[in-house]
Amino acid sequence: MRGIFLDIETSGLNSDRHRTLEIAFEVIDLISGHVQASYHAFADQPKSVWELADKTSLQINGLSPGKMPCAIREEQIAKEITNLFNELEIERTSALYICQNPSFDRVFFSQIIDVDSQENRNWPYRWLDFASMVYAKRLEKAQKKAGPLPWEKGLSKDEIAKELGIAPEQKPHSAKRGVEHLIACYRGAMGFVDKLE
């Protein structure tokens, strides 16, 4: 089984009027922890997208038209991701997505590659929530009286990282750094199967 560790930065939170500005993911073998592929791209968006952008979101991700080197159109991103998934033979029986905020990432990913196209290619439809994984582990410990209740330490990625002794994600947020930080947190909290004792 492979995990597609994915993060997306956007022009805002509302998928009806906002678009993807940056996307990154790494495909990792969940047994060995071996990275099979990496992908990163900035999306070249038209002026109309920037005019509708949420200023708070842009402050968080630090993106602007001048800070997106080698940005490419969404159609090119879709083509590159499709080619990579075909090369890796990504399908739902052998891969799943792992995100910090899958409900957010999934809807913006589906703007780039529509749901029907994903379905026709038999791509994964399981989008796992890293915070929920940590919640479940903490709950198991709490039930054994071996730790606090799962929500008491916080469930943001930076709060989970602090608990694991991992530095917070560098600011401003970036999809590429977000994926790297997510993988570090996943490795610390969950581990890869071959690495478990």
N, C-alpha and C. Protein backbone atom coordinates (compact mmCIF):
# COMPACT_ATOMS: atom_id res chain seq x y z
N MET A 1 0.86 -1.19 0.00
CA MET A 1 0.00 0.00 0.00
C MET A 1 0.90 1.24 0.00
N ARG A 2 0.46 2.22 -0.77
CA ARG A 2 1.21 3.47 -0.84
C ARG A 2 0.37 4.62 -0.33
N GLY A 3 1.03 5.56 0.33
CA GLY A 3 0.37 6.77 0.78
C GLY A 3 0.77 7.93 -0.12
N ILE A 4 -0.23 8.70 -0.54
CA ILE A 4 0.02 9.92 -1.30
C ILE A 4 -0.13 11.06 -0.30
N PHE A 5 0.99 11.52 0.23
CA PHE A 5 0.99 12.60 1.23
C PHE A 5 0.88 13.91 0.47
N LEU A 6 -0.24 14.60 0.64
CA LEU A 6 -0.58 15.70 -0.25
C LEU A 6 -0.95 16.96 0.54
N ASP A 7 -0.56 18.11 -0.02
CA ASP A 7 -0.95 19.40 0.56
C ASP A 7 -1.20 20.38 -0.58
N ILE A 8 -2.13 21.28 -0.37
CA ILE A 8 -2.50 22.28 -1.38
C ILE A 8 -2.62 23.64 -0.70
N GLU A 9 -2.07 24.67 -1.34
CA GLU A 9 -2.29 26.06 -0.92
C GLU A 9 -3.19 26.71 -1.96
N THR A 10 -4.11 27.53 -1.49
CA THR A 10 -5.13 28.08 -2.38
C THR A 10 -5.28 29.59 -2.20
N SER A 11 -6.10 30.16 -3.05
CA SER A 11 -6.37 31.60 -2.98
C SER A 11 -7.45 31.93 -1.95
N GLY A 12 -7.98 30.93 -1.27
CA GLY A 12 -9.00 31.12 -0.24
C GLY A 12 -9.62 29.79 0.14
N LEU A 13 -10.60 29.84 1.01
CA LEU A 13 -11.19 28.62 1.56
C LEU A 13 -12.44 28.15 0.83
N ASN A 14 -13.01 29.00 -0.01
CA ASN A 14 -14.28 28.70 -0.67
C ASN A 14 -14.02 28.18 -2.08
N SER A 15 -14.26 26.89 -2.27
CA SER A 15 -13.95 26.28 -3.57
C SER A 15 -14.86 26.77 -4.69
N ASP A 16 -15.93 27.48 -4.34
CA ASP A 16 -16.79 28.04 -5.38
C ASP A 16 -16.16 29.24 -6.07
N ARG A 17 -15.25 29.94 -5.36
CA ARG A 17 -14.63 31.12 -5.98
C ARG A 17 -13.11 31.16 -5.87
N HIS A 18 -12.52 30.23 -5.16
CA HIS A 18 -11.06 30.22 -5.00
C HIS A 18 -10.45 29.03 -5.75
N ARG A 19 -9.15 29.13 -6.02
CA ARG A 19 -8.48 28.12 -6.82
C ARG A 19 -7.16 27.71 -6.17
N THR A 20 -6.61 26.62 -6.65
CA THR A 20 -5.30 26.13 -6.21
C THR A 20 -4.20 27.06 -6.69
N LEU A 21 -3.26 27.36 -5.79
CA LEU A 21 -2.08 28.14 -6.15
C LEU A 21 -0.82 27.28 -6.13
N GLU A 22 -0.81 26.26 -5.29
CA GLU A 22 0.37 25.39 -5.16
C GLU A 22 -0.10 24.01 -4.74
N ILE A 23 0.50 22.99 -5.31
CA ILE A 23 0.18 21.61 -4.95
C ILE A 23 1.49 20.82 -4.83
N ALA A 24 1.54 19.95 -3.83
CA ALA A 24 2.71 19.09 -3.66
C ALA A 24 2.26 17.76 -3.09
N PHE A 25 2.96 16.71 -3.46
CA PHE A 25 2.71 15.42 -2.82
C PHE A 25 3.93 14.54 -2.97
N GLU A 26 4.02 13.54 -2.09
CA GLU A 26 5.02 12.48 -2.20
C GLU A 26 4.29 11.15 -2.11
N VAL A 27 4.66 10.23 -2.96
CA VAL A 27 4.11 8.88 -2.92
C VAL A 27 5.10 8.00 -2.17
N ILE A 28 4.64 7.42 -1.07
CA ILE A 28 5.52 6.68 -0.17
C ILE A 28 4.97 5.28 0.07
N ASP A 29 5.85 4.30 0.01
CA ASP A 29 5.50 2.93 0.38
C ASP A 29 5.27 2.90 1.89
N LEU A 30 4.05 2.55 2.31
CA LEU A 30 3.72 2.59 3.73
C LEU A 30 4.31 1.43 4.52
N ILE A 31 4.90 0.47 3.83
CA ILE A 31 5.62 -0.62 4.52
C ILE A 31 7.05 -0.17 4.82
N SER A 32 7.77 0.22 3.78
CA SER A 32 9.20 0.53 3.93
C SER A 32 9.48 1.99 4.26
N GLY A 33 8.56 2.87 3.93
CA GLY A 33 8.82 4.31 4.07
C GLY A 33 9.60 4.88 2.91
N HIS A 34 9.81 4.09 1.87
CA HIS A 34 10.57 4.54 0.69
C HIS A 34 9.73 5.50 -0.16
N VAL A 35 10.34 6.63 -0.52
CA VAL A 35 9.67 7.60 -1.39
C VAL A 35 9.76 7.11 -2.84
N GLN A 36 8.61 6.92 -3.47
CA GLN A 36 8.58 6.45 -4.85
C GLN A 36 8.52 7.58 -5.86
N ALA A 37 7.95 8.71 -5.45
CA ALA A 37 7.85 9.85 -6.37
C ALA A 37 7.51 11.10 -5.58
N SER A 38 7.90 12.24 -6.13
CA SER A 38 7.57 13.54 -5.56
C SER A 38 7.02 14.42 -6.67
N TYR A 39 6.11 15.31 -6.29
CA TYR A 39 5.56 16.25 -7.26
C TYR A 39 5.33 17.60 -6.58
N HIS A 40 5.64 18.67 -7.31
CA HIS A 40 5.39 20.02 -6.81
C HIS A 40 5.17 20.95 -7.99
N ALA A 41 4.15 21.81 -7.87
CA ALA A 41 3.90 22.78 -8.93
C ALA A 41 3.16 23.99 -8.36
N PHE A 42 3.47 25.15 -8.93
CA PHE A 42 2.68 26.35 -8.71
C PHE A 42 1.69 26.47 -9.86
N ALA A 43 0.46 26.88 -9.56
CA ALA A 43 -0.56 27.03 -10.59
C ALA A 43 -0.62 28.47 -11.08
N ASP A 44 -0.47 28.63 -12.37
CA ASP A 44 -0.54 29.95 -13.00
C ASP A 44 -2.02 30.32 -13.16
N GLN A 45 -2.49 31.21 -12.29
CA GLN A 45 -3.90 31.58 -12.29
C GLN A 45 -4.10 32.94 -12.95
N PRO A 46 -5.24 33.14 -13.59
CA PRO A 46 -5.51 34.42 -14.24
C PRO A 46 -5.77 35.53 -13.22
N LYS A 47 -5.76 36.73 -13.71
CA LYS A 47 -5.99 37.91 -12.87
C LYS A 47 -7.30 37.81 -12.09
N SER A 48 -8.33 37.24 -12.71
CA SER A 48 -9.63 37.14 -12.05
C SER A 48 -9.57 36.32 -10.77
N VAL A 49 -8.72 35.30 -10.72
CA VAL A 49 -8.56 34.49 -9.51
C VAL A 49 -7.93 35.33 -8.40
N TRP A 50 -6.90 36.11 -8.74
CA TRP A 50 -6.23 36.95 -7.76
C TRP A 50 -7.16 38.05 -7.25
N GLU A 51 -8.04 38.54 -8.12
CA GLU A 51 -8.99 39.58 -7.69
C GLU A 51 -9.99 39.06 -6.66
N LEU A 52 -10.31 37.76 -6.72
CA LEU A 52 -11.25 37.16 -5.78
C LEU A 52 -10.56 36.51 -4.57
N ALA A 53 -9.23 36.60 -4.52
CA ALA A 53 -8.48 35.92 -3.47
C ALA A 53 -8.79 36.49 -2.09
N ASP A 54 -8.74 35.62 -1.11
CA ASP A 54 -8.92 36.00 0.28
C ASP A 54 -7.58 36.49 0.83
N LYS A 55 -7.54 37.72 1.32
CA LYS A 55 -6.28 38.31 1.77
C LYS A 55 -5.65 37.55 2.92
N THR A 56 -6.47 37.04 3.83
CA THR A 56 -5.92 36.28 4.96
C THR A 56 -5.23 35.01 4.47
N SER A 57 -5.85 34.32 3.51
CA SER A 57 -5.24 33.11 2.96
C SER A 57 -3.90 33.41 2.30
N LEU A 58 -3.83 34.53 1.58
CA LEU A 58 -2.57 34.90 0.93
C LEU A 58 -1.50 35.29 1.94
N GLN A 59 -1.91 35.86 3.07
CA GLN A 59 -0.94 36.16 4.14
C GLN A 59 -0.39 34.87 4.73
N ILE A 60 -1.26 33.87 4.88
CA ILE A 60 -0.84 32.60 5.46
C ILE A 60 0.13 31.86 4.55
N ASN A 61 -0.16 31.86 3.23
CA ASN A 61 0.73 31.10 2.33
C ASN A 61 1.79 31.97 1.66
N GLY A 62 1.69 33.28 1.82
CA GLY A 62 2.72 34.18 1.29
C GLY A 62 2.80 34.21 -0.23
N LEU A 63 1.76 33.75 -0.91
CA LEU A 63 1.83 33.66 -2.37
C LEU A 63 1.27 34.91 -3.04
N SER A 64 1.84 35.22 -4.18
CA SER A 64 1.38 36.32 -5.04
C SER A 64 1.89 35.97 -6.44
N PRO A 65 1.38 36.64 -7.48
CA PRO A 65 1.83 36.29 -8.84
C PRO A 65 3.35 36.36 -9.01
N GLY A 66 4.01 37.25 -8.29
CA GLY A 66 5.46 37.38 -8.41
C GLY A 66 6.26 36.40 -7.59
N LYS A 67 5.60 35.60 -6.74
CA LYS A 67 6.29 34.66 -5.86
C LYS A 67 5.99 33.21 -6.23
N MET A 68 5.74 32.97 -7.49
CA MET A 68 5.40 31.62 -7.94
C MET A 68 6.24 31.26 -9.16
N PRO A 69 7.51 30.92 -8.93
CA PRO A 69 8.42 30.64 -10.05
C PRO A 69 7.95 29.45 -10.88
N CYS A 70 8.06 29.59 -12.17
CA CYS A 70 7.74 28.51 -13.12
C CYS A 70 6.29 28.01 -12.98
N ALA A 71 5.37 28.90 -12.63
CA ALA A 71 3.97 28.51 -12.51
C ALA A 71 3.44 28.02 -13.86
N ILE A 72 2.60 26.99 -13.80
CA ILE A 72 2.03 26.40 -15.01
C ILE A 72 0.51 26.34 -14.88
N ARG A 73 -0.17 26.24 -15.99
CA ARG A 73 -1.63 26.21 -15.99
C ARG A 73 -2.14 24.92 -15.33
N GLU A 74 -3.34 24.99 -14.79
CA GLU A 74 -3.94 23.83 -14.14
C GLU A 74 -4.02 22.63 -15.09
N GLU A 75 -4.28 22.89 -16.37
CA GLU A 75 -4.38 21.80 -17.34
C GLU A 75 -3.06 21.03 -17.45
N GLN A 76 -1.94 21.76 -17.37
CA GLN A 76 -0.63 21.12 -17.41
C GLN A 76 -0.38 20.33 -16.13
N ILE A 77 -0.78 20.89 -14.99
CA ILE A 77 -0.65 20.16 -13.71
C ILE A 77 -1.43 18.86 -13.78
N ALA A 78 -2.66 18.93 -14.27
CA ALA A 78 -3.50 17.73 -14.40
C ALA A 78 -2.82 16.68 -15.27
N LYS A 79 -2.24 17.12 -16.39
CA LYS A 79 -1.56 16.20 -17.30
C LYS A 79 -0.36 15.55 -16.61
N GLU A 80 0.43 16.35 -15.90
CA GLU A 80 1.62 15.82 -15.23
C GLU A 80 1.25 14.83 -14.13
N ILE A 81 0.23 15.16 -13.34
CA ILE A 81 -0.19 14.24 -12.27
C ILE A 81 -0.73 12.95 -12.88
N THR A 82 -1.53 13.06 -13.92
CA THR A 82 -2.08 11.88 -14.58
C THR A 82 -0.97 10.98 -15.12
N ASN A 83 0.01 11.59 -15.77
CA ASN A 83 1.14 10.81 -16.30
C ASN A 83 1.91 10.12 -15.18
N LEU A 84 2.14 10.83 -14.08
CA LEU A 84 2.87 10.24 -12.96
C LEU A 84 2.08 9.10 -12.33
N PHE A 85 0.78 9.31 -12.11
CA PHE A 85 -0.05 8.24 -11.53
C PHE A 85 -0.11 7.03 -12.46
N ASN A 86 -0.15 7.28 -13.77
CA ASN A 86 -0.14 6.15 -14.72
C ASN A 86 1.18 5.39 -14.64
N GLU A 87 2.27 6.14 -14.58
CA GLU A 87 3.60 5.52 -14.50
C GLU A 87 3.73 4.67 -13.24
N LEU A 88 3.19 5.16 -12.13
CA LEU A 88 3.28 4.45 -10.85
C LEU A 88 2.18 3.41 -10.69
N GLU A 89 1.26 3.35 -11.65
CA GLU A 89 0.10 2.45 -11.58
C GLU A 89 -0.69 2.67 -10.29
N ILE A 90 -0.97 3.96 -10.02
CA ILE A 90 -1.75 4.33 -8.85
C ILE A 90 -3.21 3.94 -9.08
N GLU A 91 -3.76 3.18 -8.15
CA GLU A 91 -5.17 2.84 -8.19
C GLU A 91 -5.67 2.63 -6.76
N ARG A 92 -6.97 2.59 -6.61
CA ARG A 92 -7.56 2.62 -5.26
C ARG A 92 -7.27 1.39 -4.42
N THR A 93 -6.94 0.26 -5.04
CA THR A 93 -6.65 -0.93 -4.24
C THR A 93 -5.23 -0.93 -3.69
N SER A 94 -4.39 -0.01 -4.19
CA SER A 94 -2.99 -0.04 -3.76
C SER A 94 -2.47 1.32 -3.28
N ALA A 95 -3.36 2.31 -3.13
CA ALA A 95 -2.90 3.63 -2.69
C ALA A 95 -4.05 4.38 -2.03
N LEU A 96 -3.69 5.33 -1.18
CA LEU A 96 -4.66 6.22 -0.55
C LEU A 96 -3.98 7.54 -0.27
N TYR A 97 -4.78 8.57 -0.08
CA TYR A 97 -4.24 9.90 0.23
C TYR A 97 -4.16 10.06 1.74
N ILE A 98 -3.13 10.77 2.19
CA ILE A 98 -2.99 11.13 3.60
C ILE A 98 -2.74 12.64 3.65
N CYS A 99 -3.59 13.35 4.36
CA CYS A 99 -3.52 14.82 4.40
C CYS A 99 -3.76 15.29 5.83
N GLN A 100 -3.39 16.53 6.10
CA GLN A 100 -3.76 17.14 7.36
C GLN A 100 -5.22 17.59 7.32
N ASN A 101 -5.68 18.03 6.16
CA ASN A 101 -7.05 18.51 6.02
C ASN A 101 -7.65 17.95 4.73
N PRO A 102 -8.00 16.65 4.72
CA PRO A 102 -8.40 16.01 3.47
C PRO A 102 -9.68 16.57 2.85
N SER A 103 -10.63 17.03 3.66
CA SER A 103 -11.86 17.55 3.07
C SER A 103 -11.58 18.82 2.27
N PHE A 104 -10.60 19.60 2.71
CA PHE A 104 -10.18 20.80 1.98
C PHE A 104 -9.37 20.42 0.74
N ASP A 105 -8.35 19.60 0.95
CA ASP A 105 -7.45 19.24 -0.16
C ASP A 105 -8.19 18.51 -1.28
N ARG A 106 -9.13 17.65 -0.91
CA ARG A 106 -9.82 16.84 -1.92
C ARG A 106 -10.63 17.72 -2.87
N VAL A 107 -11.34 18.71 -2.33
CA VAL A 107 -12.20 19.53 -3.19
C VAL A 107 -11.36 20.37 -4.16
N PHE A 108 -10.19 20.87 -3.69
CA PHE A 108 -9.35 21.66 -4.58
C PHE A 108 -8.61 20.78 -5.58
N PHE A 109 -8.21 19.57 -5.16
CA PHE A 109 -7.61 18.62 -6.08
C PHE A 109 -8.59 18.29 -7.21
N SER A 110 -9.87 18.19 -6.84
CA SER A 110 -10.90 17.85 -7.82
C SER A 110 -11.22 19.00 -8.77
N GLN A 111 -10.78 20.22 -8.44
CA GLN A 111 -10.87 21.32 -9.40
C GLN A 111 -9.86 21.10 -10.54
N ILE A 112 -8.73 20.52 -10.20
CA ILE A 112 -7.67 20.29 -11.19
C ILE A 112 -7.99 19.07 -12.04
N ILE A 113 -8.38 17.99 -11.36
CA ILE A 113 -8.74 16.75 -12.06
C ILE A 113 -10.12 16.36 -11.54
N ASP A 114 -11.12 16.49 -12.37
CA ASP A 114 -12.51 16.33 -11.91
C ASP A 114 -12.77 14.91 -11.41
N VAL A 115 -13.79 14.80 -10.56
CA VAL A 115 -14.10 13.54 -9.89
C VAL A 115 -14.39 12.42 -10.89
N ASP A 116 -15.11 12.73 -11.97
CA ASP A 116 -15.40 11.68 -12.97
C ASP A 116 -14.12 11.13 -13.58
N SER A 117 -13.16 12.00 -13.87
CA SER A 117 -11.88 11.54 -14.43
C SER A 117 -11.13 10.69 -13.43
N GLN A 118 -11.15 11.08 -12.16
CA GLN A 118 -10.50 10.27 -11.13
C GLN A 118 -11.17 8.90 -11.04
N GLU A 119 -12.49 8.90 -11.07
CA GLU A 119 -13.24 7.64 -10.98
C GLU A 119 -12.96 6.75 -12.19
N ASN A 120 -12.95 7.33 -13.37
CA ASN A 120 -12.69 6.56 -14.59
C ASN A 120 -11.30 5.94 -14.59
N ARG A 121 -10.36 6.57 -13.91
CA ARG A 121 -8.99 6.04 -13.84
C ARG A 121 -8.79 5.12 -12.64
N ASN A 122 -9.87 4.91 -11.87
CA ASN A 122 -9.80 4.02 -10.70
C ASN A 122 -8.81 4.52 -9.65
N TRP A 123 -8.70 5.85 -9.55
CA TRP A 123 -7.80 6.43 -8.56
C TRP A 123 -8.36 6.27 -7.16
N PRO A 124 -7.51 6.38 -6.15
CA PRO A 124 -7.98 6.23 -4.77
C PRO A 124 -9.10 7.22 -4.43
N TYR A 125 -10.02 6.75 -3.62
CA TYR A 125 -11.06 7.64 -3.11
C TYR A 125 -11.00 7.77 -1.59
N ARG A 126 -10.05 7.10 -0.98
CA ARG A 126 -9.87 7.23 0.47
C ARG A 126 -8.89 8.37 0.75
N TRP A 127 -9.38 9.37 1.45
CA TRP A 127 -8.57 10.53 1.85
C TRP A 127 -8.50 10.50 3.36
N LEU A 128 -7.38 10.06 3.90
CA LEU A 128 -7.24 9.88 5.34
C LEU A 128 -6.76 11.17 6.01
N ASP A 129 -7.26 11.37 7.21
CA ASP A 129 -7.01 12.55 8.01
C ASP A 129 -5.95 12.21 9.07
N PHE A 130 -4.77 12.83 8.95
CA PHE A 130 -3.69 12.53 9.88
C PHE A 130 -4.08 12.82 11.32
N ALA A 131 -4.77 13.93 11.57
CA ALA A 131 -5.16 14.27 12.94
C ALA A 131 -6.07 13.20 13.53
N SER A 132 -6.93 12.60 12.71
CA SER A 132 -7.80 11.53 13.20
C SER A 132 -7.00 10.29 13.58
N MET A 133 -5.91 10.03 12.85
CA MET A 133 -5.05 8.91 13.21
C MET A 133 -4.45 9.13 14.60
N VAL A 134 -3.96 10.34 14.82
CA VAL A 134 -3.37 10.68 16.12
C VAL A 134 -4.44 10.61 17.21
N TYR A 135 -5.63 11.12 16.91
CA TYR A 135 -6.75 11.07 17.86
C TYR A 135 -7.02 9.63 18.29
N ALA A 136 -7.07 8.71 17.31
CA ALA A 136 -7.36 7.31 17.62
C ALA A 136 -6.26 6.70 18.50
N LYS A 137 -5.00 7.01 18.19
CA LYS A 137 -3.90 6.49 19.01
C LYS A 137 -3.96 7.02 20.44
N ARG A 138 -4.25 8.33 20.55
CA ARG A 138 -4.36 8.92 21.88
C ARG A 138 -5.54 8.34 22.66
N LEU A 139 -6.66 8.12 21.97
CA LEU A 139 -7.84 7.56 22.62
C LEU A 139 -7.53 6.17 23.18
N GLU A 140 -6.81 5.38 22.40
CA GLU A 140 -6.44 4.04 22.86
C GLU A 140 -5.60 4.13 24.13
N LYS A 141 -4.66 5.07 24.16
CA LYS A 141 -3.83 5.25 25.36
C LYS A 141 -4.67 5.74 26.54
N ALA A 142 -5.58 6.67 26.27
CA ALA A 142 -6.42 7.21 27.35
C ALA A 142 -7.31 6.13 27.94
N GLN A 143 -7.82 5.25 27.09
CA GLN A 143 -8.68 4.17 27.57
C GLN A 143 -7.90 3.20 28.47
N LYS A 144 -6.59 3.12 28.27
CA LYS A 144 -5.74 2.27 29.10
C LYS A 144 -5.15 3.05 30.28
N LYS A 145 -5.64 4.30 30.44
CA LYS A 145 -5.14 5.19 31.51
C LYS A 145 -3.64 5.45 31.36
N ALA A 146 -3.18 5.46 30.10
CA ALA A 146 -1.75 5.67 29.83
C ALA A 146 -1.49 7.03 29.18
N GLY A 147 -2.48 7.89 29.16
CA GLY A 147 -2.30 9.21 28.55
C GLY A 147 -3.55 10.04 28.72
N PRO A 148 -3.46 11.33 28.39
CA PRO A 148 -4.61 12.22 28.52
C PRO A 148 -5.65 11.95 27.44
N LEU A 149 -6.81 12.57 27.58
CA LEU A 149 -7.84 12.46 26.56
C LEU A 149 -7.30 13.02 25.24
N PRO A 150 -7.74 12.49 24.11
CA PRO A 150 -7.08 12.79 22.83
C PRO A 150 -7.09 14.25 22.41
N TRP A 151 -8.06 15.03 22.87
CA TRP A 151 -8.15 16.43 22.44
C TRP A 151 -7.38 17.38 23.35
N GLU A 152 -6.86 16.88 24.47
CA GLU A 152 -6.25 17.76 25.46
C GLU A 152 -4.92 18.36 25.02
N LYS A 153 -4.22 17.72 24.10
CA LYS A 153 -2.94 18.26 23.62
C LYS A 153 -3.06 19.01 22.31
N GLY A 154 -4.27 19.07 21.76
CA GLY A 154 -4.48 19.77 20.48
C GLY A 154 -4.21 18.86 19.30
N LEU A 155 -4.86 19.17 18.19
CA LEU A 155 -4.78 18.30 17.02
C LEU A 155 -4.30 19.02 15.76
N SER A 156 -3.82 20.26 15.90
CA SER A 156 -3.21 20.89 14.73
C SER A 156 -1.89 20.17 14.45
N LYS A 157 -1.43 20.27 13.23
CA LYS A 157 -0.18 19.58 12.88
C LYS A 157 0.98 20.10 13.73
N ASP A 158 1.02 21.40 13.98
CA ASP A 158 2.10 21.96 14.80
C ASP A 158 2.00 21.49 16.26
N GLU A 159 0.77 21.32 16.78
CA GLU A 159 0.63 20.81 18.15
C GLU A 159 1.05 19.35 18.22
N ILE A 160 0.72 18.57 17.21
CA ILE A 160 1.16 17.18 17.16
C ILE A 160 2.68 17.12 17.04
N ALA A 161 3.23 17.98 16.19
CA ALA A 161 4.69 18.02 16.03
C ALA A 161 5.37 18.33 17.35
N LYS A 162 4.85 19.30 18.09
CA LYS A 162 5.45 19.66 19.39
C LYS A 162 5.46 18.47 20.33
N GLU A 163 4.37 17.73 20.36
CA GLU A 163 4.29 16.53 21.20
C GLU A 163 5.35 15.50 20.81
N LEU A 164 5.67 15.46 19.51
CA LEU A 164 6.64 14.50 18.99
C LEU A 164 8.08 15.01 19.04
N GLY A 165 8.27 16.26 19.46
CA GLY A 165 9.61 16.84 19.48
C GLY A 165 10.07 17.28 18.10
N ILE A 166 9.13 17.58 17.23
CA ILE A 166 9.42 18.04 15.86
C ILE A 166 9.14 19.53 15.79
N ALA A 167 10.00 20.28 15.11
CA ALA A 167 9.80 21.72 14.96
C ALA A 167 8.51 22.00 14.23
N PRO A 168 7.88 23.16 14.48
CA PRO A 168 6.68 23.52 13.73
C PRO A 168 6.99 23.74 12.26
N GLU A 169 5.95 23.68 11.44
CA GLU A 169 6.13 23.95 10.01
C GLU A 169 6.58 25.40 9.83
N GLN A 170 7.57 25.57 8.97
CA GLN A 170 8.08 26.91 8.67
C GLN A 170 6.97 27.76 8.05
N LYS A 171 6.95 29.04 8.41
CA LYS A 171 5.98 29.98 7.86
C LYS A 171 6.68 30.90 6.86
N PRO A 172 5.99 31.45 5.85
CA PRO A 172 4.59 31.17 5.54
C PRO A 172 4.40 29.73 5.06
N HIS A 173 3.15 29.29 5.13
CA HIS A 173 2.83 27.93 4.71
C HIS A 173 3.17 27.73 3.24
N SER A 174 3.60 26.53 2.94
CA SER A 174 3.88 26.15 1.55
C SER A 174 3.45 24.70 1.39
N ALA A 175 2.91 24.35 0.25
CA ALA A 175 2.48 22.98 0.02
C ALA A 175 3.66 22.01 0.12
N LYS A 176 4.79 22.40 -0.44
CA LYS A 176 5.98 21.52 -0.42
C LYS A 176 6.47 21.29 1.01
N ARG A 177 6.62 22.39 1.76
CA ARG A 177 7.04 22.25 3.17
C ARG A 177 5.96 21.54 3.98
N GLY A 178 4.69 21.79 3.64
CA GLY A 178 3.60 21.13 4.35
C GLY A 178 3.65 19.62 4.20
N VAL A 179 3.96 19.15 3.01
CA VAL A 179 4.08 17.71 2.78
C VAL A 179 5.27 17.15 3.56
N GLU A 180 6.40 17.83 3.50
CA GLU A 180 7.59 17.36 4.23
C GLU A 180 7.31 17.28 5.72
N HIS A 181 6.63 18.31 6.26
CA HIS A 181 6.30 18.34 7.69
C HIS A 181 5.29 17.25 8.03
N LEU A 182 4.29 17.05 7.18
CA LEU A 182 3.30 16.00 7.40
C LEU A 182 3.97 14.64 7.46
N ILE A 183 4.89 14.38 6.55
CA ILE A 183 5.58 13.08 6.53
C ILE A 183 6.40 12.90 7.81
N ALA A 184 7.09 13.95 8.23
CA ALA A 184 7.88 13.86 9.48
C ALA A 184 6.97 13.56 10.66
N CYS A 185 5.81 14.21 10.70
CA CYS A 185 4.87 13.96 11.80
C CYS A 185 4.28 12.56 11.71
N TYR A 186 3.95 12.12 10.51
CA TYR A 186 3.42 10.77 10.33
C TYR A 186 4.46 9.74 10.78
N ARG A 187 5.70 9.95 10.37
CA ARG A 187 6.77 9.03 10.75
C ARG A 187 6.89 8.96 12.27
N GLY A 188 6.81 10.13 12.93
CA GLY A 188 6.94 10.17 14.38
C GLY A 188 5.74 9.59 15.12
N ALA A 189 4.54 9.83 14.61
CA ALA A 189 3.33 9.40 15.30
C ALA A 189 2.90 7.99 14.97
N MET A 190 3.02 7.62 13.68
CA MET A 190 2.49 6.34 13.22
C MET A 190 3.59 5.34 12.86
N GLY A 191 4.62 5.83 12.20
CA GLY A 191 5.72 4.97 11.74
C GLY A 191 5.34 4.19 10.50
N PHE A 192 6.36 3.66 9.84
CA PHE A 192 6.15 2.77 8.70
C PHE A 192 6.30 1.34 9.17
N VAL A 193 5.63 0.41 8.54
CA VAL A 193 5.49 -0.93 9.06
C VAL A 193 6.83 -1.60 9.33
N ASP A 194 7.78 -1.50 8.39
CA ASP A 194 9.08 -2.13 8.57
C ASP A 194 9.87 -1.54 9.73
N LYS A 195 9.52 -0.31 10.12
CA LYS A 195 10.26 0.37 11.16
C LYS A 195 9.67 0.15 12.54
N LEU A 196 8.49 -0.51 12.62
CA LEU A 196 7.83 -0.71 13.91
C LEU A 196 8.46 -1.89 14.64
N GLU A 197 8.50 -1.74 15.95
CA GLU A 197 9.09 -2.82 16.77
C GLU A 197 8.04 -3.87 17.08
